[in-house]
Amino acid sequence: MAVFLAGALAVGMTACSPRIDTRGNLPDPDIVRELQPGLHDRNQVAQILGSPSTVGTFDDSTWYYISKRTETVAFFDPEIVDQQVLAVHFDNAGVLSEVKVYGYDDGREIEPVERVTPTSGREMTILQQLFGNIGRFNRTAEE
């Protein structure tokens, strides 16, 4: 009985330990310090840092390297432990112009608009939907 209780306690303690997940690609800070604005171009930055997580939506002159660490305990929602974004800006000639690091505190929370798009037509019950097509289609002659 004591062995069973010890095993159950061990399983219970393991279930409550947090699970850490790391997603994304954030280059080593020592490597990022090697980047020199005005000296490196796009190809050199790609060789040093690797390919970016994403590129600017409207302009490809900014590359983003995004990393996020979350902690999940049991069945609860994940909690963000650390989040960083490295933004690498290039000028029109493709030469590195600026390197910035943003943390979790630099982000802004946005609220989506909760509007509903009106649609024309009529509201139908489930029965109307199920039986609405009966007799609507004619069987074609088999060939």
C-alpha atoms as a PDB file:
ATOM      1  CA  MET A   1       0.000   0.000   0.000  1.00  0.00           C
ATOM      2  CA  ALA A   2       2.850   2.394   0.858  1.00  0.00           C
ATOM      3  CA  VAL A   3       4.488   1.753  -2.523  1.00  0.00           C
ATOM      4  CA  PHE A   4       1.184   2.507  -4.284  1.00  0.00           C
ATOM      5  CA  LEU A   5       0.758   5.777  -2.358  1.00  0.00           C
ATOM      6  CA  ALA A   6       4.351   6.805  -3.083  1.00  0.00           C
ATOM      7  CA  GLY A   7       3.831   6.072  -6.793  1.00  0.00           C
ATOM      8  CA  ALA A   8       0.554   8.026  -6.880  1.00  0.00           C
ATOM      9  CA  LEU A   9       2.216  10.935  -5.088  1.00  0.00           C
ATOM     10  CA  ALA A  10       5.120  10.921  -7.566  1.00  0.00           C
ATOM     11  CA  VAL A  11       2.721  10.906 -10.543  1.00  0.00           C
ATOM     12  CA  GLY A  12       0.674  13.689  -8.955  1.00  0.00           C
ATOM     13  CA  MET A  13       3.749  15.844  -8.352  1.00  0.00           C
ATOM     14  CA  THR A  14       4.936  15.301 -11.924  1.00  0.00           C
ATOM     15  CA  ALA A  15       1.542  16.305 -13.335  1.00  0.00           C
ATOM     16  CA  CYS A  16       1.719  19.663 -11.554  1.00  0.00           C
ATOM     17  CA  SER A  17       5.219  20.593 -12.677  1.00  0.00           C
ATOM     18  CA  PRO A  18       5.213  23.290 -15.351  1.00  0.00           C
ATOM     19  CA  ARG A  19       5.983  22.485 -18.986  1.00  0.00           C
ATOM     20  CA  ILE A  20       8.205  25.062 -20.693  1.00  0.00           C
ATOM     21  CA  ASP A  21       7.758  25.528 -24.462  1.00  0.00           C
ATOM     22  CA  THR A  22      10.137  27.624 -26.551  1.00  0.00           C
ATOM     23  CA  ARG A  23       9.066  28.690 -30.013  1.00  0.00           C
ATOM     24  CA  GLY A  24      10.722  30.837 -32.615  1.00  0.00           C
ATOM     25  CA  ASN A  25      14.228  31.869 -33.555  1.00  0.00           C
ATOM     26  CA  LEU A  26      16.069  34.449 -31.523  1.00  0.00           C
ATOM     27  CA  PRO A  27      19.774  34.664 -32.385  1.00  0.00           C
ATOM     28  CA  ASP A  28      22.448  34.652 -29.695  1.00  0.00           C
ATOM     29  CA  PRO A  29      22.949  38.201 -28.304  1.00  0.00           C
ATOM     30  CA  ASP A  30      26.724  37.942 -28.804  1.00  0.00           C
ATOM     31  CA  ILE A  31      26.192  37.284 -32.514  1.00  0.00           C
ATOM     32  CA  VAL A  32      23.706  40.180 -32.773  1.00  0.00           C
ATOM     33  CA  ARG A  33      26.342  42.545 -31.318  1.00  0.00           C
ATOM     34  CA  GLU A  34      28.606  41.699 -34.282  1.00  0.00           C
ATOM     35  CA  LEU A  35      26.179  43.349 -36.709  1.00  0.00           C
ATOM     36  CA  GLN A  36      27.417  46.760 -37.812  1.00  0.00           C
ATOM     37  CA  PRO A  37      24.900  49.248 -39.284  1.00  0.00           C
ATOM     38  CA  GLY A  38      26.217  50.597 -42.570  1.00  0.00           C
ATOM     39  CA  LEU A  39      28.631  47.680 -42.962  1.00  0.00           C
ATOM     40  CA  HIS A  40      26.579  44.498 -43.447  1.00  0.00           C
ATOM     41  CA  ASP A  41      24.109  43.863 -46.268  1.00  0.00           C
ATOM     42  CA  ARG A  42      21.112  41.487 -46.458  1.00  0.00           C
ATOM     43  CA  ASN A  43      23.151  38.477 -47.557  1.00  0.00           C
ATOM     44  CA  GLN A  44      25.681  38.924 -44.769  1.00  0.00           C
ATOM     45  CA  VAL A  45      22.923  39.334 -42.170  1.00  0.00           C
ATOM     46  CA  ALA A  46      21.240  36.166 -43.451  1.00  0.00           C
ATOM     47  CA  GLN A  47      24.550  34.291 -43.142  1.00  0.00           C
ATOM     48  CA  ILE A  48      25.149  35.588 -39.612  1.00  0.00           C
ATOM     49  CA  LEU A  49      21.621  35.302 -38.160  1.00  0.00           C
ATOM     50  CA  GLY A  50      19.918  32.837 -40.473  1.00  0.00           C
ATOM     51  CA  SER A  51      16.587  33.371 -42.168  1.00  0.00           C
ATOM     52  CA  PRO A  52      14.105  35.635 -40.346  1.00  0.00           C
ATOM     53  CA  SER A  53      10.886  34.459 -38.696  1.00  0.00           C
ATOM     54  CA  THR A  54       8.957  36.942 -40.822  1.00  0.00           C
ATOM     55  CA  VAL A  55       9.455  39.956 -43.075  1.00  0.00           C
ATOM     56  CA  GLY A  56       7.599  43.274 -42.887  1.00  0.00           C
ATOM     57  CA  THR A  57       4.065  43.085 -44.260  1.00  0.00           C
ATOM     58  CA  PHE A  58       4.098  46.127 -46.510  1.00  0.00           C
ATOM     59  CA  ASP A  59       7.831  46.541 -47.000  1.00  0.00           C
ATOM     60  CA  ASP A  60      10.535  43.864 -47.048  1.00  0.00           C
ATOM     61  CA  SER A  61      13.125  46.254 -45.612  1.00  0.00           C
ATOM     62  CA  THR A  62      12.532  44.965 -42.064  1.00  0.00           C
ATOM     63  CA  TRP A  63      13.256  41.417 -40.914  1.00  0.00           C
ATOM     64  CA  TYR A  64      11.891  40.053 -37.651  1.00  0.00           C
ATOM     65  CA  TYR A  65      13.347  37.251 -35.525  1.00  0.00           C
ATOM     66  CA  ILE A  66      10.665  36.247 -33.014  1.00  0.00           C
ATOM     67  CA  SER A  67      10.970  34.057 -29.917  1.00  0.00           C
ATOM     68  CA  LYS A  68       8.472  33.199 -27.194  1.00  0.00           C
ATOM     69  CA  ARG A  69       8.732  31.030 -24.079  1.00  0.00           C
ATOM     70  CA  THR A  70       5.564  29.854 -22.364  1.00  0.00           C
ATOM     71  CA  GLU A  71       4.924  27.903 -19.195  1.00  0.00           C
ATOM     72  CA  THR A  72       1.940  25.555 -18.873  1.00  0.00           C
ATOM     73  CA  VAL A  73       0.866  24.022 -15.572  1.00  0.00           C
ATOM     74  CA  ALA A  74      -1.517  21.044 -15.768  1.00  0.00           C
ATOM     75  CA  PHE A  75      -4.632  21.995 -17.738  1.00  0.00           C
ATOM     76  CA  PHE A  76      -4.386  25.781 -17.339  1.00  0.00           C
ATOM     77  CA  ASP A  77      -3.802  28.185 -20.230  1.00  0.00           C
ATOM     78  CA  PRO A  78      -0.152  28.817 -21.096  1.00  0.00           C
ATOM     79  CA  GLU A  79       1.463  31.857 -19.501  1.00  0.00           C
ATOM     80  CA  ILE A  80       4.059  33.861 -21.418  1.00  0.00           C
ATOM     81  CA  VAL A  81       7.360  33.827 -19.508  1.00  0.00           C
ATOM     82  CA  ASP A  82       9.515  35.664 -22.047  1.00  0.00           C
ATOM     83  CA  GLN A  83       8.958  37.097 -25.504  1.00  0.00           C
ATOM     84  CA  GLN A  84      11.492  38.917 -27.639  1.00  0.00           C
ATOM     85  CA  VAL A  85      11.511  40.332 -31.135  1.00  0.00           C
ATOM     86  CA  LEU A  86      14.701  41.299 -32.936  1.00  0.00           C
ATOM     87  CA  ALA A  87      13.948  43.821 -35.691  1.00  0.00           C
ATOM     88  CA  VAL A  88      16.630  44.270 -38.349  1.00  0.00           C
ATOM     89  CA  HIS A  89      16.069  47.303 -40.620  1.00  0.00           C
ATOM     90  CA  PHE A  90      17.685  47.789 -44.044  1.00  0.00           C
ATOM     91  CA  ASP A  91      17.912  50.946 -46.156  1.00  0.00           C
ATOM     92  CA  ASN A  92      16.883  51.171 -49.829  1.00  0.00           C
ATOM     93  CA  ALA A  93      20.275  49.816 -50.953  1.00  0.00           C
ATOM     94  CA  GLY A  94      19.859  46.691 -48.781  1.00  0.00           C
ATOM     95  CA  VAL A  95      22.471  47.755 -46.222  1.00  0.00           C
ATOM     96  CA  LEU A  96      21.823  47.272 -42.500  1.00  0.00           C
ATOM     97  CA  SER A  97      20.625  50.539 -40.967  1.00  0.00           C
ATOM     98  CA  GLU A  98      19.329  49.611 -37.493  1.00  0.00           C
ATOM     99  CA  VAL A  99      18.969  46.694 -35.077  1.00  0.00           C
ATOM    100  CA  LYS A 100      16.374  46.828 -32.277  1.00  0.00           C
ATOM    101  CA  VAL A 101      15.305  44.322 -29.627  1.00  0.00           C
ATOM    102  CA  TYR A 102      11.757  44.452 -28.274  1.00  0.00           C
ATOM    103  CA  GLY A 103      10.585  42.618 -25.160  1.00  0.00           C
ATOM    104  CA  TYR A 104       7.196  41.504 -23.898  1.00  0.00           C
ATOM    105  CA  ASP A 105       6.598  44.863 -22.197  1.00  0.00           C
ATOM    106  CA  ASP A 106       7.044  46.711 -25.500  1.00  0.00           C
ATOM    107  CA  GLY A 107       4.027  44.963 -27.018  1.00  0.00           C
ATOM    108  CA  ARG A 108       0.543  46.454 -27.095  1.00  0.00           C
ATOM    109  CA  GLU A 109      -2.679  44.580 -26.472  1.00  0.00           C
ATOM    110  CA  ILE A 110      -5.229  45.005 -29.246  1.00  0.00           C
ATOM    111  CA  GLU A 111      -8.943  44.378 -29.028  1.00  0.00           C
ATOM    112  CA  PRO A 112     -10.679  42.987 -32.090  1.00  0.00           C
ATOM    113  CA  VAL A 113     -13.888  44.678 -33.177  1.00  0.00           C
ATOM    114  CA  GLU A 114     -16.916  42.596 -32.265  1.00  0.00           C
ATOM    115  CA  ARG A 115     -19.184  43.625 -35.144  1.00  0.00           C
ATOM    116  CA  VAL A 116     -21.283  41.188 -37.140  1.00  0.00           C
ATOM    117  CA  THR A 117     -21.547  41.456 -40.899  1.00  0.00           C
ATOM    118  CA  PRO A 118     -25.219  41.512 -41.941  1.00  0.00           C
ATOM    119  CA  THR A 119     -26.220  38.984 -44.565  1.00  0.00           C
ATOM    120  CA  SER A 120     -29.262  38.958 -46.760  1.00  0.00           C
ATOM    121  CA  GLY A 121     -31.566  35.991 -46.759  1.00  0.00           C
ATOM    122  CA  ARG A 122     -33.777  34.432 -44.199  1.00  0.00           C
ATOM    123  CA  GLU A 123     -33.186  32.637 -40.933  1.00  0.00           C
ATOM    124  CA  MET A 124     -33.990  28.931 -41.137  1.00  0.00           C
ATOM    125  CA  THR A 125     -34.507  26.385 -38.400  1.00  0.00           C
ATOM    126  CA  ILE A 126     -32.611  23.109 -38.415  1.00  0.00           C
ATOM    127  CA  LEU A 127     -35.697  21.243 -39.667  1.00  0.00           C
ATOM    128  CA  GLN A 128     -36.171  23.701 -42.521  1.00  0.00           C
ATOM    129  CA  GLN A 129     -32.565  23.175 -43.492  1.00  0.00           C
ATOM    130  CA  LEU A 130     -32.844  19.389 -43.342  1.00  0.00           C
ATOM    131  CA  PHE A 131     -36.128  19.011 -45.210  1.00  0.00           C
ATOM    132  CA  GLY A 132     -35.900  22.091 -47.438  1.00  0.00           C
ATOM    133  CA  ASN A 133     -34.319  20.214 -50.342  1.00  0.00           C
ATOM    134  CA  ILE A 134     -36.761  17.305 -50.477  1.00  0.00           C
ATOM    135  CA  GLY A 135     -38.360  17.216 -53.910  1.00  0.00           C
ATOM    136  CA  ARG A 136     -36.254  20.082 -55.109  1.00  0.00           C
ATOM    137  CA  PHE A 137     -33.976  18.052 -57.326  1.00  0.00           C
ATOM    138  CA  ASN A 138     -35.160  15.755 -60.077  1.00  0.00           C
ATOM    139  CA  ARG A 139     -33.460  12.486 -60.739  1.00  0.00           C
ATOM    140  CA  THR A 140     -31.847  12.438 -64.159  1.00  0.00           C
ATOM    141  CA  ALA A 141     -32.279   9.431 -66.442  1.00  0.00           C
ATOM    142  CA  GLU A 142     -29.484   6.934 -66.075  1.00  0.00           C
ATOM    143  CA  GLU A 143     -27.325   6.642 -69.122  1.00  0.00           C
END
